[in-house]
Amino acid sequence: MFGPYEVSGVPTVVLARGQIGQAVFAGSDVAPTASPCPPSFRSLTIYPPGMDEGATVSAWLPNVDAFLAACAGIEVSEVVAYAQLPHPSGS
């Protein structure tokens, strides 16, 4: 696992056009009650702070070959500039 979880605090991130920001989101395919899970999320709409218009992205998770499960809430990390993240050697 790589991502903003390794960054402490809540940074203010300013990205210039073309720069990449990254946030980690996590969900669960285990329902918190005995009720069946609702259908998986097919897309997510992301609203940057202070913006009224969001961007819709696919909720497809290629590493698990499935859409993001909707059994529990989604947790989202803070946004971090991609250049500030640790990267495995060679990437």
PDB file of N, CA and C in Angstrom:
ATOM      1  N   MET A   1       0.837  -1.177   0.000  1.00  0.00           N
ATOM      2  CA  MET A   1       0.000   0.000   0.000  1.00  0.00           C
ATOM      3  C   MET A   1       0.878   1.234   0.000  1.00  0.00           C
ATOM      4  N   PHE A   2       0.561   2.156  -0.851  1.00  0.00           N
ATOM      5  CA  PHE A   2       1.253   3.429  -0.887  1.00  0.00           C
ATOM      6  C   PHE A   2       0.203   4.512  -0.892  1.00  0.00           C
ATOM      7  N   GLY A   3       0.509   5.649  -0.364  1.00  0.00           N
ATOM      8  CA  GLY A   3      -0.462   6.728  -0.422  1.00  0.00           C
ATOM      9  C   GLY A   3      -0.297   7.712   0.697  1.00  0.00           C
ATOM     10  N   PRO A   4      -1.223   8.667   0.776  1.00  0.00           N
ATOM     11  CA  PRO A   4      -1.128   9.742   1.748  1.00  0.00           C
ATOM     12  C   PRO A   4      -1.195   9.317   3.200  1.00  0.00           C
ATOM     13  N   TYR A   5      -1.534   8.074   3.492  1.00  0.00           N
ATOM     14  CA  TYR A   5      -1.596   7.664   4.881  1.00  0.00           C
ATOM     15  C   TYR A   5      -0.248   7.821   5.557  1.00  0.00           C
ATOM     16  N   GLU A   6       0.843   7.924   4.794  1.00  0.00           N
ATOM     17  CA  GLU A   6       2.179   8.074   5.368  1.00  0.00           C
ATOM     18  C   GLU A   6       2.523   9.527   5.661  1.00  0.00           C
ATOM     19  N   VAL A   7       1.650  10.447   5.350  1.00  0.00           N
ATOM     20  CA  VAL A   7       1.885  11.873   5.571  1.00  0.00           C
ATOM     21  C   VAL A   7       1.130  12.289   6.814  1.00  0.00           C
ATOM     22  N   SER A   8       1.803  12.997   7.735  1.00  0.00           N
ATOM     23  CA  SER A   8       1.102  13.398   8.958  1.00  0.00           C
ATOM     24  C   SER A   8       0.592  14.826   8.828  1.00  0.00           C
ATOM     25  N   GLY A   9      -0.442  15.146   9.595  1.00  0.00           N
ATOM     26  CA  GLY A   9      -1.019  16.481   9.571  1.00  0.00           C
ATOM     27  C   GLY A   9      -2.001  16.643   8.434  1.00  0.00           C
ATOM     28  N   VAL A  10      -2.524  17.835   8.310  1.00  0.00           N
ATOM     29  CA  VAL A  10      -3.459  18.148   7.234  1.00  0.00           C
ATOM     30  C   VAL A  10      -2.836  19.273   6.418  1.00  0.00           C
ATOM     31  N   PRO A  11      -2.110  18.926   5.369  1.00  0.00           N
ATOM     32  CA  PRO A  11      -1.415  19.952   4.595  1.00  0.00           C
ATOM     33  C   PRO A  11      -2.360  20.724   3.683  1.00  0.00           C
ATOM     34  N   THR A  12      -1.964  21.946   3.369  1.00  0.00           N
ATOM     35  CA  THR A  12      -2.632  22.690   2.317  1.00  0.00           C
ATOM     36  C   THR A  12      -1.895  22.351   1.040  1.00  0.00           C
ATOM     37  N   VAL A  13      -2.608  21.877   0.065  1.00  0.00           N
ATOM     38  CA  VAL A  13      -1.980  21.455  -1.179  1.00  0.00           C
ATOM     39  C   VAL A  13      -2.452  22.365  -2.301  1.00  0.00           C
ATOM     40  N   VAL A  14      -1.505  22.984  -2.972  1.00  0.00           N
ATOM     41  CA  VAL A  14      -1.808  23.815  -4.131  1.00  0.00           C
ATOM     42  C   VAL A  14      -1.145  23.149  -5.325  1.00  0.00           C
ATOM     43  N   LEU A  15      -1.950  22.767  -6.292  1.00  0.00           N
ATOM     44  CA  LEU A  15      -1.430  22.088  -7.469  1.00  0.00           C
ATOM     45  C   LEU A  15      -1.524  23.014  -8.671  1.00  0.00           C
ATOM     46  N   ALA A  16      -0.431  23.124  -9.390  1.00  0.00           N
ATOM     47  CA  ALA A  16      -0.449  23.873 -10.640  1.00  0.00           C
ATOM     48  C   ALA A  16      -1.118  23.005 -11.707  1.00  0.00           C
ATOM     49  N   ARG A  17      -1.596  23.642 -12.756  1.00  0.00           N
ATOM     50  CA  ARG A  17      -2.213  22.896 -13.847  1.00  0.00           C
ATOM     51  C   ARG A  17      -1.242  21.802 -14.315  1.00  0.00           C
ATOM     52  N   GLY A  18      -1.750  20.582 -14.390  1.00  0.00           N
ATOM     53  CA  GLY A  18      -0.949  19.453 -14.850  1.00  0.00           C
ATOM     54  C   GLY A  18      -0.290  18.666 -13.730  1.00  0.00           C
ATOM     55  N   GLN A  19      -0.228  19.219 -12.521  1.00  0.00           N
ATOM     56  CA  GLN A  19       0.340  18.467 -11.411  1.00  0.00           C
ATOM     57  C   GLN A  19      -0.692  17.468 -10.893  1.00  0.00           C
ATOM     58  N   ILE A  20      -0.231  16.442 -10.212  1.00  0.00           N
ATOM     59  CA  ILE A  20      -1.105  15.376  -9.739  1.00  0.00           C
ATOM     60  C   ILE A  20      -1.212  15.426  -8.222  1.00  0.00           C
ATOM     61  N   GLY A  21      -2.445  15.311  -7.733  1.00  0.00           N
ATOM     62  CA  GLY A  21      -2.699  15.142  -6.309  1.00  0.00           C
ATOM     63  C   GLY A  21      -3.275  13.755  -6.109  1.00  0.00           C
ATOM     64  N   GLN A  22      -3.071  13.198  -4.932  1.00  0.00           N
ATOM     65  CA  GLN A  22      -3.546  11.845  -4.695  1.00  0.00           C
ATOM     66  C   GLN A  22      -4.190  11.766  -3.321  1.00  0.00           C
ATOM     67  N   ALA A  23      -5.275  11.021  -3.235  1.00  0.00           N
ATOM     68  CA  ALA A  23      -5.931  10.720  -1.964  1.00  0.00           C
ATOM     69  C   ALA A  23      -6.242   9.228  -1.968  1.00  0.00           C
ATOM     70  N   VAL A  24      -6.269   8.656  -0.799  1.00  0.00           N
ATOM     71  CA  VAL A  24      -6.604   7.239  -0.661  1.00  0.00           C
ATOM     72  C   VAL A  24      -8.023   7.138  -0.140  1.00  0.00           C
ATOM     73  N   PHE A  25      -8.814   6.240  -0.703  1.00  0.00           N
ATOM     74  CA  PHE A  25     -10.147   5.986  -0.180  1.00  0.00           C
ATOM     75  C   PHE A  25     -10.264   4.501   0.100  1.00  0.00           C
ATOM     76  N   ALA A  26     -11.054   4.180   1.097  1.00  0.00           N
ATOM     77  CA  ALA A  26     -11.220   2.779   1.479  1.00  0.00           C
ATOM     78  C   ALA A  26     -12.671   2.517   1.828  1.00  0.00           C
ATOM     79  N   GLY A  27     -13.125   1.350   1.502  1.00  0.00           N
ATOM     80  CA  GLY A  27     -14.474   0.908   1.820  1.00  0.00           C
ATOM     81  C   GLY A  27     -14.400  -0.511   2.360  1.00  0.00           C
ATOM     82  N   SER A  28     -15.545  -1.176   2.410  1.00  0.00           N
ATOM     83  CA  SER A  28     -15.575  -2.538   2.928  1.00  0.00           C
ATOM     84  C   SER A  28     -16.628  -3.351   2.190  1.00  0.00           C
ATOM     85  N   ASP A  29     -16.344  -4.623   2.039  1.00  0.00           N
ATOM     86  CA  ASP A  29     -17.346  -5.519   1.467  1.00  0.00           C
ATOM     87  C   ASP A  29     -17.991  -6.374   2.563  1.00  0.00           C
ATOM     88  N   VAL A  30     -17.852  -5.909   3.814  1.00  0.00           N
ATOM     89  CA  VAL A  30     -18.467  -6.577   4.958  1.00  0.00           C
ATOM     90  C   VAL A  30     -19.500  -5.616   5.547  1.00  0.00           C
ATOM     91  N   ALA A  31     -20.737  -6.029   5.575  1.00  0.00           N
ATOM     92  CA  ALA A  31     -21.812  -5.189   6.096  1.00  0.00           C
ATOM     93  C   ALA A  31     -21.696  -5.054   7.612  1.00  0.00           C
ATOM     94  N   PRO A  32     -21.967  -3.847   8.161  1.00  0.00           N
ATOM     95  CA  PRO A  32     -21.892  -3.676   9.616  1.00  0.00           C
ATOM     96  C   PRO A  32     -23.053  -4.344  10.365  1.00  0.00           C
ATOM     97  N   THR A  33     -24.079  -4.755   9.633  1.00  0.00           N
ATOM     98  CA  THR A  33     -25.223  -5.452  10.244  1.00  0.00           C
ATOM     99  C   THR A  33     -25.482  -6.717   9.433  1.00  0.00           C
ATOM    100  N   ALA A  34     -26.513  -7.443   9.815  1.00  0.00           N
ATOM    101  CA  ALA A  34     -26.859  -8.667   9.089  1.00  0.00           C
ATOM    102  C   ALA A  34     -27.578  -8.369   7.775  1.00  0.00           C
ATOM    103  N   SER A  35     -27.879  -7.101   7.522  1.00  0.00           N
ATOM    104  CA  SER A  35     -28.564  -6.722   6.279  1.00  0.00           C
ATOM    105  C   SER A  35     -27.663  -6.979   5.076  1.00  0.00           C
ATOM    106  N   PRO A  36     -28.252  -7.281   3.928  1.00  0.00           N
ATOM    107  CA  PRO A  36     -27.433  -7.448   2.733  1.00  0.00           C
ATOM    108  C   PRO A  36     -26.828  -6.106   2.298  1.00  0.00           C
ATOM    109  N   CYS A  37     -25.722  -6.168   1.624  1.00  0.00           N
ATOM    110  CA  CYS A  37     -25.050  -4.963   1.139  1.00  0.00           C
ATOM    111  C   CYS A  37     -25.824  -4.368  -0.033  1.00  0.00           C
ATOM    112  N   PRO A  38     -25.834  -3.039  -0.142  1.00  0.00           N
ATOM    113  CA  PRO A  38     -26.424  -2.417  -1.330  1.00  0.00           C
ATOM    114  C   PRO A  38     -25.511  -2.665  -2.532  1.00  0.00           C
ATOM    115  N   PRO A  39     -25.979  -2.353  -3.724  1.00  0.00           N
ATOM    116  CA  PRO A  39     -25.116  -2.523  -4.900  1.00  0.00           C
ATOM    117  C   PRO A  39     -23.829  -1.711  -4.763  1.00  0.00           C
ATOM    118  N   SER A  40     -22.774  -2.191  -5.371  1.00  0.00           N
ATOM    119  CA  SER A  40     -21.478  -1.503  -5.332  1.00  0.00           C
ATOM    120  C   SER A  40     -21.565  -0.141  -6.001  1.00  0.00           C
ATOM    121  N   PHE A  41     -20.669   0.757  -5.587  1.00  0.00           N
ATOM    122  CA  PHE A  41     -20.567   2.060  -6.234  1.00  0.00           C
ATOM    123  C   PHE A  41     -20.041   1.855  -7.647  1.00  0.00           C
ATOM    124  N   ARG A  42     -20.643   2.501  -8.612  1.00  0.00           N
ATOM    125  CA  ARG A  42     -20.177   2.434 -10.007  1.00  0.00           C
ATOM    126  C   ARG A  42     -19.299   3.636 -10.342  1.00  0.00           C
ATOM    127  N   SER A  43     -19.525   4.740  -9.631  1.00  0.00           N
ATOM    128  CA  SER A  43     -18.728   5.948  -9.844  1.00  0.00           C
ATOM    129  C   SER A  43     -18.695   6.752  -8.550  1.00  0.00           C
ATOM    130  N   LEU A  44     -17.747   7.660  -8.480  1.00  0.00           N
ATOM    131  CA  LEU A  44     -17.615   8.567  -7.343  1.00  0.00           C
ATOM    132  C   LEU A  44     -17.510   9.979  -7.904  1.00  0.00           C
ATOM    133  N   THR A  45     -18.177  10.931  -7.276  1.00  0.00           N
ATOM    134  CA  THR A  45     -18.039  12.327  -7.682  1.00  0.00           C
ATOM    135  C   THR A  45     -17.210  13.031  -6.617  1.00  0.00           C
ATOM    136  N   ILE A  46     -16.152  13.651  -7.064  1.00  0.00           N
ATOM    137  CA  ILE A  46     -15.173  14.268  -6.178  1.00  0.00           C
ATOM    138  C   ILE A  46     -15.310  15.782  -6.283  1.00  0.00           C
ATOM    139  N   TYR A  47     -15.473  16.439  -5.147  1.00  0.00           N
ATOM    140  CA  TYR A  47     -15.587  17.890  -5.088  1.00  0.00           C
ATOM    141  C   TYR A  47     -14.368  18.456  -4.368  1.00  0.00           C
ATOM    142  N   PRO A  48     -13.487  19.141  -5.078  1.00  0.00           N
ATOM    143  CA  PRO A  48     -12.365  19.798  -4.395  1.00  0.00           C
ATOM    144  C   PRO A  48     -12.900  20.853  -3.424  1.00  0.00           C
ATOM    145  N   PRO A  49     -12.172  21.128  -2.340  1.00  0.00           N
ATOM    146  CA  PRO A  49     -12.633  22.130  -1.376  1.00  0.00           C
ATOM    147  C   PRO A  49     -12.947  23.464  -2.052  1.00  0.00           C
ATOM    148  N   GLY A  50     -14.073  24.041  -1.672  1.00  0.00           N
ATOM    149  CA  GLY A  50     -14.454  25.341  -2.191  1.00  0.00           C
ATOM    150  C   GLY A  50     -15.028  25.328  -3.599  1.00  0.00           C
ATOM    151  N   MET A  51     -15.207  24.170  -4.188  1.00  0.00           N
ATOM    152  CA  MET A  51     -15.701  24.085  -5.558  1.00  0.00           C
ATOM    153  C   MET A  51     -17.147  23.596  -5.550  1.00  0.00           C
ATOM    154  N   ASP A  52     -17.955  24.148  -6.451  1.00  0.00           N
ATOM    155  CA  ASP A  52     -19.345  23.723  -6.589  1.00  0.00           C
ATOM    156  C   ASP A  52     -19.509  22.635  -7.631  1.00  0.00           C
ATOM    157  N   GLU A  53     -18.511  22.463  -8.473  1.00  0.00           N
ATOM    158  CA  GLU A  53     -18.580  21.471  -9.544  1.00  0.00           C
ATOM    159  C   GLU A  53     -17.580  20.360  -9.258  1.00  0.00           C
ATOM    160  N   GLY A  54     -18.046  19.132  -9.370  1.00  0.00           N
ATOM    161  CA  GLY A  54     -17.178  17.996  -9.101  1.00  0.00           C
ATOM    162  C   GLY A  54     -16.778  17.269 -10.368  1.00  0.00           C
ATOM    163  N   ALA A  55     -15.899  16.314 -10.200  1.00  0.00           N
ATOM    164  CA  ALA A  55     -15.471  15.442 -11.298  1.00  0.00           C
ATOM    165  C   ALA A  55     -15.920  14.029 -10.957  1.00  0.00           C
ATOM    166  N   THR A  56     -16.529  13.356 -11.897  1.00  0.00           N
ATOM    167  CA  THR A  56     -16.991  11.984 -11.682  1.00  0.00           C
ATOM    168  C   THR A  56     -15.964  11.017 -12.241  1.00  0.00           C
ATOM    169  N   VAL A  57     -15.582  10.046 -11.399  1.00  0.00           N
ATOM    170  CA  VAL A  57     -14.596   9.035 -11.792  1.00  0.00           C
ATOM    171  C   VAL A  57     -15.193   7.647 -11.572  1.00  0.00           C
ATOM    172  N   SER A  58     -14.674   6.688 -12.278  1.00  0.00           N
ATOM    173  CA  SER A  58     -15.128   5.309 -12.133  1.00  0.00           C
ATOM    174  C   SER A  58     -14.741   4.765 -10.760  1.00  0.00           C
ATOM    175  N   ALA A  59     -15.580   3.934 -10.178  1.00  0.00           N
ATOM    176  CA  ALA A  59     -15.282   3.269  -8.905  1.00  0.00           C
ATOM    177  C   ALA A  59     -14.733   1.862  -9.144  1.00  0.00           C
ATOM    178  N   TRP A  60     -14.320   1.579 -10.376  1.00  0.00           N
ATOM    179  CA  TRP A  60     -13.760   0.271 -10.723  1.00  0.00           C
ATOM    180  C   TRP A  60     -12.385   0.120 -10.081  1.00  0.00           C
ATOM    181  N   LEU A  61     -12.146  -1.002  -9.415  1.00  0.00           N
ATOM    182  CA  LEU A  61     -10.870  -1.304  -8.765  1.00  0.00           C
ATOM    183  C   LEU A  61     -10.194  -2.431  -9.538  1.00  0.00           C
ATOM    184  N   PRO A  62      -9.276  -2.083 -10.436  1.00  0.00           N
ATOM    185  CA  PRO A  62      -8.682  -3.118 -11.297  1.00  0.00           C
ATOM    186  C   PRO A  62      -7.926  -4.203 -10.537  1.00  0.00           C
ATOM    187  N   ASN A  63      -7.349  -3.868  -9.378  1.00  0.00           N
ATOM    188  CA  ASN A  63      -6.585  -4.880  -8.639  1.00  0.00           C
ATOM    189  C   ASN A  63      -7.457  -5.988  -8.053  1.00  0.00           C
ATOM    190  N   VAL A  64      -8.748  -5.696  -7.851  1.00  0.00           N
ATOM    191  CA  VAL A  64      -9.664  -6.718  -7.326  1.00  0.00           C
ATOM    192  C   VAL A  64     -10.733  -7.088  -8.339  1.00  0.00           C
ATOM    193  N   ASP A  65     -10.650  -6.483  -9.528  1.00  0.00           N
ATOM    194  CA  ASP A  65     -11.557  -6.793 -10.630  1.00  0.00           C
ATOM    195  C   ASP A  65     -13.027  -6.623 -10.232  1.00  0.00           C
ATOM    196  N   ALA A  66     -13.306  -5.497  -9.552  1.00  0.00           N
ATOM    197  CA  ALA A  66     -14.672  -5.246  -9.089  1.00  0.00           C
ATOM    198  C   ALA A  66     -14.866  -3.755  -8.835  1.00  0.00           C
ATOM    199  N   PHE A  67     -16.132  -3.342  -8.725  1.00  0.00           N
ATOM    200  CA  PHE A  67     -16.431  -1.973  -8.313  1.00  0.00           C
ATOM    201  C   PHE A  67     -16.314  -1.868  -6.800  1.00  0.00           C
ATOM    202  N   LEU A  68     -16.143  -0.648  -6.294  1.00  0.00           N
ATOM    203  CA  LEU A  68     -16.005  -0.387  -4.867  1.00  0.00           C
ATOM    204  C   LEU A  68     -17.271  -0.814  -4.132  1.00  0.00           C
ATOM    205  N   ALA A  69     -17.104  -1.697  -3.160  1.00  0.00           N
ATOM    206  CA  ALA A  69     -18.235  -2.203  -2.375  1.00  0.00           C
ATOM    207  C   ALA A  69     -18.879  -1.072  -1.583  1.00  0.00           C
ATOM    208  N   ALA A  70     -20.197  -1.145  -1.420  1.00  0.00           N
ATOM    209  CA  ALA A  70     -20.953  -0.108  -0.717  1.00  0.00           C
ATOM    210  C   ALA A  70     -21.507  -0.624   0.607  1.00  0.00           C
ATOM    211  N   CYS A  71     -20.878  -1.645   1.184  1.00  0.00           N
ATOM    212  CA  CYS A  71     -21.391  -2.241   2.417  1.00  0.00           C
ATOM    213  C   CYS A  71     -21.219  -1.335   3.630  1.00  0.00           C
ATOM    214  N   ALA A  72     -20.214  -0.525   3.633  1.00  0.00           N
ATOM    215  CA  ALA A  72     -19.949   0.388   4.744  1.00  0.00           C
ATOM    216  C   ALA A  72     -19.586   1.743   4.145  1.00  0.00           C
ATOM    217  N   GLY A  73     -19.416   2.735   4.966  1.00  0.00           N
ATOM    218  CA  GLY A  73     -19.039   4.057   4.470  1.00  0.00           C
ATOM    219  C   GLY A  73     -17.665   4.052   3.818  1.00  0.00           C
ATOM    220  N   ILE A  74     -17.362   5.155   3.167  1.00  0.00           N
ATOM    221  CA  ILE A  74     -16.057   5.315   2.534  1.00  0.00           C
ATOM    222  C   ILE A  74     -15.232   6.275   3.380  1.00  0.00           C
ATOM    223  N   GLU A  75     -13.993   5.915   3.644  1.00  0.00           N
ATOM    224  CA  GLU A  75     -13.060   6.808   4.320  1.00  0.00           C
ATOM    225  C   GLU A  75     -12.125   7.375   3.265  1.00  0.00           C
ATOM    226  N   VAL A  76     -11.835   8.676   3.369  1.00  0.00           N
ATOM    227  CA  VAL A  76     -10.976   9.345   2.403  1.00  0.00           C
ATOM    228  C   VAL A  76      -9.882  10.093   3.151  1.00  0.00           C
ATOM    229  N   SER A  77      -8.647   9.948   2.672  1.00  0.00           N
ATOM    230  CA  SER A  77      -7.529  10.664   3.282  1.00  0.00           C
ATOM    231  C   SER A  77      -7.473  12.095   2.757  1.00  0.00           C
ATOM    232  N   GLU A  78      -6.566  12.865   3.305  1.00  0.00           N
ATOM    233  CA  GLU A  78      -6.325  14.195   2.762  1.00  0.00           C
ATOM    234  C   GLU A  78      -5.652  14.064   1.393  1.00  0.00           C
ATOM    235  N   VAL A  79      -5.712  15.117   0.597  1.00  0.00           N
ATOM    236  CA  VAL A  79      -5.040  15.130  -0.705  1.00  0.00           C
ATOM    237  C   VAL A  79      -3.588  15.513  -0.480  1.00  0.00           C
ATOM    238  N   VAL A  80      -2.704  14.804  -1.146  1.00  0.00           N
ATOM    239  CA  VAL A  80      -1.274  15.063  -1.048  1.00  0.00           C
ATOM    240  C   VAL A  80      -0.721  15.175  -2.463  1.00  0.00           C
ATOM    241  N   ALA A  81       0.204  16.100  -2.668  1.00  0.00           N
ATOM    242  CA  ALA A  81       0.861  16.216  -3.968  1.00  0.00           C
ATOM    243  C   ALA A  81       1.618  14.923  -4.242  1.00  0.00           C
ATOM    244  N   TYR A  82       1.460  14.390  -5.425  1.00  0.00           N
ATOM    245  CA  TYR A  82       2.081  13.117  -5.798  1.00  0.00           C
ATOM    246  C   TYR A  82       3.582  13.147  -5.554  1.00  0.00           C
ATOM    247  N   ALA A  83       4.226  14.281  -5.827  1.00  0.00           N
ATOM    248  CA  ALA A  83       5.678  14.394  -5.677  1.00  0.00           C
ATOM    249  C   ALA A  83       6.107  14.239  -4.223  1.00  0.00           C
ATOM    250  N   GLN A  84       5.213  14.448  -3.253  1.00  0.00           N
ATOM    251  CA  GLN A  84       5.553  14.334  -1.827  1.00  0.00           C
ATOM    252  C   GLN A  84       5.410  12.917  -1.294  1.00  0.00           C
ATOM    253  N   LEU A  85       4.865  12.018  -2.086  1.00  0.00           N
ATOM    254  CA  LEU A  85       4.625  10.655  -1.618  1.00  0.00           C
ATOM    255  C   LEU A  85       5.856   9.779  -1.801  1.00  0.00           C
ATOM    256  N   PRO A  86       6.034   8.792  -0.922  1.00  0.00           N
ATOM    257  CA  PRO A  86       7.103   7.820  -1.140  1.00  0.00           C
ATOM    258  C   PRO A  86       6.743   6.943  -2.339  1.00  0.00           C
ATOM    259  N   HIS A  87       7.712   6.627  -3.138  1.00  0.00           N
ATOM    260  CA  HIS A  87       7.479   5.797  -4.320  1.00  0.00           C
ATOM    261  C   HIS A  87       8.464   4.627  -4.301  1.00  0.00           C
ATOM    262  N   PRO A  88       7.988   3.434  -4.645  1.00  0.00           N
ATOM    263  CA  PRO A  88       8.913   2.307  -4.732  1.00  0.00           C
ATOM    264  C   PRO A  88       9.994   2.627  -5.769  1.00  0.00           C
ATOM    265  N   SER A  89      11.163   2.115  -5.570  1.00  0.00           N
ATOM    266  CA  SER A  89      12.243   2.395  -6.519  1.00  0.00           C
ATOM    267  C   SER A  89      11.818   1.960  -7.922  1.00  0.00           C
ATOM    268  N   GLY A  90      12.156   2.799  -8.875  1.00  0.00           N
ATOM    269  CA  GLY A  90      11.820   2.506 -10.261  1.00  0.00           C
ATOM    270  C   GLY A  90      10.518   3.109 -10.719  1.00  0.00           C
ATOM    271  N   SER A  91       9.787   3.840  -9.850  1.00  0.00           N
ATOM    272  CA  SER A  91       8.528   4.442 -10.300  1.00  0.00           C
ATOM    273  C   SER A  91       8.547   5.933 -10.125  1.00  0.00           C
TER     274      SER A  91
END
